[in-house]
Protein backbone atom coordinates (compact mmCIF):
# COMPACT_ATOMS: atom_id res chain seq x y z
CA UNK A 1 70.34 28.39 -11.18
CA UNK A 2 70.09 25.23 -9.12
CA UNK A 3 66.93 23.21 -8.91
CA UNK A 4 65.75 20.93 -6.12
CA UNK A 5 66.67 17.32 -6.86
CA UNK A 6 63.87 14.77 -7.02
CA UNK A 7 64.53 12.19 -4.32
CA UNK A 8 62.86 8.78 -4.43
CA UNK A 9 62.89 5.52 -2.49
CA UNK A 10 65.27 4.26 -5.19
CA UNK A 11 67.92 7.03 -5.06
CA UNK A 12 67.64 8.09 -1.39
CA UNK A 13 70.58 6.01 -0.07
CA UNK A 14 72.85 7.24 -2.85
CA UNK A 15 71.93 10.90 -2.20
CA UNK A 16 72.43 10.62 1.56
CA UNK A 17 75.76 8.87 1.03
CA UNK A 18 77.07 11.84 -0.98
CA UNK A 19 79.60 13.89 0.94
CA UNK A 20 77.36 16.94 0.85
CA UNK A 21 74.96 18.19 3.46
CA UNK A 22 71.41 17.47 2.34
CA UNK A 23 68.02 19.09 2.99
CA UNK A 24 65.00 17.02 1.96
CA UNK A 25 61.52 18.47 1.69
CA UNK A 26 58.90 15.73 2.24
CA UNK A 27 55.82 16.98 0.37
CA UNK A 28 52.73 16.03 -1.64
CA UNK A 29 50.85 17.66 -4.52
CA UNK A 30 47.62 18.01 -2.46
CA UNK A 31 49.33 19.66 0.53
CA UNK A 32 48.65 23.42 0.74
CA UNK A 33 51.53 24.34 3.09
CA UNK A 34 53.87 22.23 0.89
CA UNK A 35 52.93 24.37 -2.10
CA UNK A 36 53.57 27.51 -0.02
CA UNK A 37 57.19 26.59 0.74
CA UNK A 38 57.91 25.10 -2.70
CA UNK A 39 59.36 28.38 -4.10
CA UNK A 40 61.55 28.76 -0.98
CA UNK A 41 62.93 25.23 -1.40
CA UNK A 42 63.68 25.89 -5.09
CA UNK A 43 65.36 29.21 -4.21
CA UNK A 44 67.52 27.52 -1.59
CA UNK A 45 68.56 24.86 -4.14
CA UNK A 46 70.09 27.68 -6.17
CA UNK A 47 71.61 29.52 -3.23
CA UNK A 48 73.29 26.42 -1.80
CA UNK A 49 74.39 24.97 -5.14
CA UNK A 50 77.87 23.52 -4.76
CA UNK A 51 77.66 23.60 -0.94
CA UNK A 52 74.67 21.41 -0.15
CA UNK A 53 72.06 19.36 -1.92
CA UNK A 54 68.42 20.43 -1.70
CA UNK A 55 65.88 17.79 -2.64
CA UNK A 56 62.17 17.04 -2.60
CA UNK A 57 60.57 13.70 -1.85
CA UNK A 58 56.92 13.10 -2.80
CA UNK A 59 55.50 11.09 0.13
CA UNK A 60 52.70 9.57 -1.99
CA UNK A 61 55.13 8.09 -4.52
CA UNK A 62 57.86 7.14 -2.02
CA UNK A 63 56.36 5.46 1.05
CA UNK A 64 59.54 3.59 2.10
CA UNK A 65 61.72 6.59 2.99
CA UNK A 66 58.73 8.42 4.48
CA UNK A 67 58.04 5.44 6.77
CA UNK A 68 61.74 5.02 7.61
CA UNK A 69 61.80 8.53 9.10
CA UNK A 70 58.28 8.39 10.56
CA UNK A 71 56.97 11.27 8.44
CA UNK A 72 53.41 11.84 9.69
CA UNK A 73 52.74 15.42 8.73
CA UNK A 74 53.96 17.40 5.77
CA UNK A 75 55.77 19.45 4.90
CA UNK A 76 58.61 17.99 6.95
CA UNK A 77 62.17 19.00 6.14
CA UNK A 78 65.05 16.80 7.22
CA UNK A 79 68.68 17.93 7.34
CA UNK A 80 71.53 15.44 6.92
CA UNK A 81 75.28 15.83 7.40
CA UNK A 82 77.63 13.01 6.37
CA UNK A 83 74.62 10.73 5.94
CA UNK A 84 73.32 11.35 9.48
CA UNK A 85 70.05 13.11 10.33
CA UNK A 86 71.06 16.25 12.26
CA UNK A 87 67.95 18.43 12.24
CA UNK A 88 64.27 18.54 11.33
CA UNK A 89 61.50 21.09 10.75
CA UNK A 90 57.83 20.10 10.67
CA UNK A 91 55.42 22.49 8.96
CA UNK A 92 55.88 25.44 6.64
CA UNK A 93 58.78 27.38 8.12
CA UNK A 94 60.22 30.74 7.15
CA UNK A 95 63.12 30.77 4.70
CA UNK A 96 65.53 32.21 7.29
CA UNK A 97 64.75 29.27 9.62
CA UNK A 98 65.41 26.73 6.87
CA UNK A 99 68.56 28.56 5.71
CA UNK A 100 69.93 28.63 9.28
CA UNK A 101 69.26 24.90 9.72
CA UNK A 102 70.93 24.02 6.41
CA UNK A 103 73.92 26.25 7.21
CA UNK A 104 74.14 24.46 10.56
CA UNK A 105 74.44 21.15 8.71
CA UNK A 106 77.29 22.33 6.47
């Protein structure tokens, strides 16, 4: 079963440069809605294994990438295709919404 990849300021560029579509969950330990969607993000990591990369970025530990994309409220989920930001969801969204967005980025 796949697991969401931990994304940091240090490995972000490398992950985005991969030839896979990428969904990144910007979250923090203290964020209630982030904890609510955590199981959904982990589930999606397994479901999209081999097709797309699902990752999580802790905004408290990784301020550079968070600032680069102007993340002001969390959870925010960004969707990348070929290294380009193609979609975004702010707030705790339903799994079918996130799945549709990630499929759209494939």
